[in-house]
Amino acid sequence: MTKKPQENGNHIVHNLGTWCPDLPDSVDQKSLGNFPTCQAAMREAKKHFQEVNGCFKCSRACFVG
């Protein structure tokens, strides 16, 4: 998950099990742990940041356009 929000305020949840060109450098990532689904990862992410979204490229099932 990104520590720094995008311009719209969203922190992006990535799937580390797949390669993603938008994954930030490790210093800009917050580890959430391992989850069986992106929905479970999103629930955890919302405990840390109010505005979260799935990555369009690597976590599309949780991306909200």
N, C-alpha and C. Protein backbone atom coordinates (compact mmCIF):
# COMPACT_ATOMS: atom_id res chain seq x y z
N MET A 1 0.84 -1.15 0.00
CA MET A 1 0.00 0.00 0.00
C MET A 1 0.90 1.23 0.00
N THR A 2 0.45 2.27 -0.70
CA THR A 2 1.24 3.49 -0.75
C THR A 2 1.06 4.31 0.52
N LYS A 3 2.14 4.83 1.06
CA LYS A 3 2.07 5.72 2.23
C LYS A 3 1.58 7.10 1.81
N LYS A 4 2.04 7.54 0.65
CA LYS A 4 1.71 8.87 0.15
C LYS A 4 0.45 8.78 -0.71
N PRO A 5 -0.56 9.58 -0.43
CA PRO A 5 -1.79 9.51 -1.22
C PRO A 5 -1.62 10.11 -2.62
N GLN A 6 -2.48 9.68 -3.52
CA GLN A 6 -2.54 10.29 -4.84
C GLN A 6 -3.18 11.67 -4.70
N GLU A 7 -3.27 12.40 -5.79
CA GLU A 7 -3.87 13.74 -5.77
C GLU A 7 -5.31 13.71 -5.27
N ASN A 8 -6.03 12.61 -5.54
CA ASN A 8 -7.43 12.52 -5.10
C ASN A 8 -7.56 12.06 -3.65
N GLY A 9 -6.44 11.81 -2.99
CA GLY A 9 -6.45 11.42 -1.58
C GLY A 9 -6.39 9.93 -1.33
N ASN A 10 -6.49 9.12 -2.38
CA ASN A 10 -6.47 7.66 -2.22
C ASN A 10 -5.07 7.13 -1.98
N HIS A 11 -5.00 6.18 -1.06
CA HIS A 11 -3.80 5.37 -0.87
C HIS A 11 -4.08 4.09 -1.64
N ILE A 12 -3.13 3.65 -2.44
CA ILE A 12 -3.36 2.54 -3.36
C ILE A 12 -2.86 1.23 -2.77
N VAL A 13 -3.73 0.22 -2.81
CA VAL A 13 -3.40 -1.12 -2.35
C VAL A 13 -2.93 -1.94 -3.55
N HIS A 14 -1.73 -2.49 -3.43
CA HIS A 14 -1.13 -3.29 -4.50
C HIS A 14 -1.13 -4.76 -4.13
N ASN A 15 -1.03 -5.60 -5.14
CA ASN A 15 -0.89 -7.04 -4.96
C ASN A 15 0.58 -7.37 -5.16
N LEU A 16 1.28 -7.68 -4.10
CA LEU A 16 2.71 -7.95 -4.21
C LEU A 16 3.00 -9.31 -4.85
N GLY A 17 1.97 -10.10 -5.09
CA GLY A 17 2.15 -11.39 -5.74
C GLY A 17 2.28 -11.26 -7.25
N THR A 18 2.08 -10.06 -7.78
CA THR A 18 2.21 -9.83 -9.21
C THR A 18 3.12 -8.63 -9.43
N TRP A 19 3.74 -8.58 -10.60
CA TRP A 19 4.59 -7.44 -10.92
C TRP A 19 3.70 -6.26 -11.27
N CYS A 20 4.02 -5.08 -10.75
CA CYS A 20 3.23 -3.88 -11.02
C CYS A 20 4.17 -2.72 -11.34
N PRO A 21 3.97 -2.07 -12.48
CA PRO A 21 4.83 -0.94 -12.83
C PRO A 21 4.59 0.29 -11.94
N ASP A 22 3.47 0.31 -11.22
CA ASP A 22 3.14 1.46 -10.37
C ASP A 22 3.50 1.27 -8.90
N LEU A 23 4.11 0.14 -8.56
CA LEU A 23 4.50 -0.11 -7.18
C LEU A 23 5.56 0.90 -6.76
N PRO A 24 5.33 1.62 -5.66
CA PRO A 24 6.33 2.62 -5.24
C PRO A 24 7.57 1.96 -4.64
N ASP A 25 8.61 2.75 -4.47
CA ASP A 25 9.82 2.28 -3.81
C ASP A 25 9.47 1.78 -2.41
N SER A 26 10.25 0.89 -1.88
CA SER A 26 9.95 0.27 -0.59
C SER A 26 9.79 1.29 0.54
N VAL A 27 10.51 2.40 0.50
CA VAL A 27 10.38 3.41 1.55
C VAL A 27 9.02 4.10 1.51
N ASP A 28 8.35 4.03 0.38
CA ASP A 28 7.02 4.65 0.23
C ASP A 28 5.89 3.65 0.34
N GLN A 29 6.20 2.42 0.80
CA GLN A 29 5.19 1.37 0.95
C GLN A 29 4.89 1.12 2.41
N LYS A 30 3.65 0.78 2.69
CA LYS A 30 3.24 0.32 4.01
C LYS A 30 2.76 -1.11 3.84
N SER A 31 3.38 -2.03 4.53
CA SER A 31 3.00 -3.44 4.43
C SER A 31 1.74 -3.68 5.26
N LEU A 32 0.78 -4.34 4.66
CA LEU A 32 -0.46 -4.68 5.34
C LEU A 32 -0.48 -6.11 5.82
N GLY A 33 0.40 -6.94 5.26
CA GLY A 33 0.40 -8.37 5.56
C GLY A 33 -0.07 -9.15 4.36
N ASN A 34 -0.32 -10.44 4.55
CA ASN A 34 -0.79 -11.31 3.49
C ASN A 34 -2.27 -11.59 3.67
N PHE A 35 -3.02 -11.52 2.58
CA PHE A 35 -4.46 -11.71 2.63
C PHE A 35 -4.90 -12.61 1.50
N PRO A 36 -5.96 -13.40 1.72
CA PRO A 36 -6.43 -14.31 0.69
C PRO A 36 -7.12 -13.60 -0.48
N THR A 37 -7.64 -12.40 -0.24
CA THR A 37 -8.34 -11.65 -1.28
C THR A 37 -7.98 -10.17 -1.18
N CYS A 38 -8.19 -9.45 -2.27
CA CYS A 38 -7.94 -8.01 -2.21
C CYS A 38 -8.98 -7.32 -1.31
N GLN A 39 -10.18 -7.88 -1.22
CA GLN A 39 -11.20 -7.30 -0.35
C GLN A 39 -10.74 -7.32 1.11
N ALA A 40 -10.10 -8.41 1.52
CA ALA A 40 -9.57 -8.50 2.89
C ALA A 40 -8.45 -7.49 3.08
N ALA A 41 -7.61 -7.32 2.08
CA ALA A 41 -6.53 -6.33 2.16
C ALA A 41 -7.10 -4.92 2.24
N MET A 42 -8.17 -4.66 1.52
CA MET A 42 -8.80 -3.33 1.55
C MET A 42 -9.38 -3.04 2.95
N ARG A 43 -9.97 -4.04 3.57
CA ARG A 43 -10.50 -3.84 4.94
C ARG A 43 -9.37 -3.46 5.89
N GLU A 44 -8.23 -4.13 5.76
CA GLU A 44 -7.07 -3.81 6.61
C GLU A 44 -6.55 -2.40 6.29
N ALA A 45 -6.48 -2.07 5.02
CA ALA A 45 -5.99 -0.75 4.60
C ALA A 45 -6.84 0.37 5.19
N LYS A 46 -8.14 0.15 5.28
CA LYS A 46 -9.05 1.18 5.81
C LYS A 46 -8.86 1.40 7.31
N LYS A 47 -8.17 0.49 7.97
CA LYS A 47 -7.82 0.69 9.38
C LYS A 47 -6.69 1.71 9.52
N HIS A 48 -5.94 1.93 8.44
CA HIS A 48 -4.78 2.82 8.46
C HIS A 48 -5.04 4.16 7.77
N PHE A 49 -5.82 4.13 6.71
CA PHE A 49 -6.12 5.34 5.95
C PHE A 49 -7.60 5.33 5.56
N GLN A 50 -8.22 6.49 5.60
CA GLN A 50 -9.64 6.59 5.29
C GLN A 50 -9.93 6.34 3.81
N GLU A 51 -9.11 6.92 2.95
CA GLU A 51 -9.33 6.81 1.50
C GLU A 51 -8.36 5.80 0.90
N VAL A 52 -8.89 4.65 0.46
CA VAL A 52 -8.06 3.62 -0.16
C VAL A 52 -8.73 3.13 -1.45
N ASN A 53 -7.92 2.60 -2.34
CA ASN A 53 -8.43 2.05 -3.59
C ASN A 53 -7.46 0.96 -4.04
N GLY A 54 -7.98 -0.02 -4.76
CA GLY A 54 -7.14 -1.06 -5.33
C GLY A 54 -6.41 -0.51 -6.55
N CYS A 55 -5.25 -1.03 -6.81
CA CYS A 55 -4.47 -0.63 -7.98
C CYS A 55 -5.17 -1.13 -9.25
N PHE A 56 -5.32 -0.27 -10.23
CA PHE A 56 -5.96 -0.64 -11.49
C PHE A 56 -5.18 -1.73 -12.21
N LYS A 57 -3.86 -1.74 -12.04
CA LYS A 57 -3.02 -2.68 -12.79
C LYS A 57 -2.82 -4.02 -12.09
N CYS A 58 -2.68 -4.04 -10.78
CA CYS A 58 -2.36 -5.30 -10.11
C CYS A 58 -3.41 -5.77 -9.10
N SER A 59 -4.39 -4.94 -8.82
CA SER A 59 -5.45 -5.31 -7.87
C SER A 59 -6.79 -4.81 -8.41
N ARG A 60 -7.03 -5.12 -9.68
CA ARG A 60 -8.19 -4.59 -10.40
C ARG A 60 -9.53 -5.00 -9.77
N ALA A 61 -9.59 -6.16 -9.15
CA ALA A 61 -10.85 -6.60 -8.54
C ALA A 61 -11.30 -5.65 -7.43
N CYS A 62 -10.37 -4.88 -6.87
CA CYS A 62 -10.72 -3.93 -5.81
C CYS A 62 -10.60 -2.48 -6.27
N PHE A 63 -10.33 -2.28 -7.54
CA PHE A 63 -10.25 -0.90 -8.07
C PHE A 63 -11.65 -0.34 -8.25
N VAL A 64 -11.84 0.87 -7.75
CA VAL A 64 -13.10 1.59 -7.93
C VAL A 64 -12.80 2.80 -8.78
N GLY A 65 -13.33 2.81 -9.99
CA GLY A 65 -13.05 3.89 -10.95
C GLY A 65 -13.69 5.12 -10.55
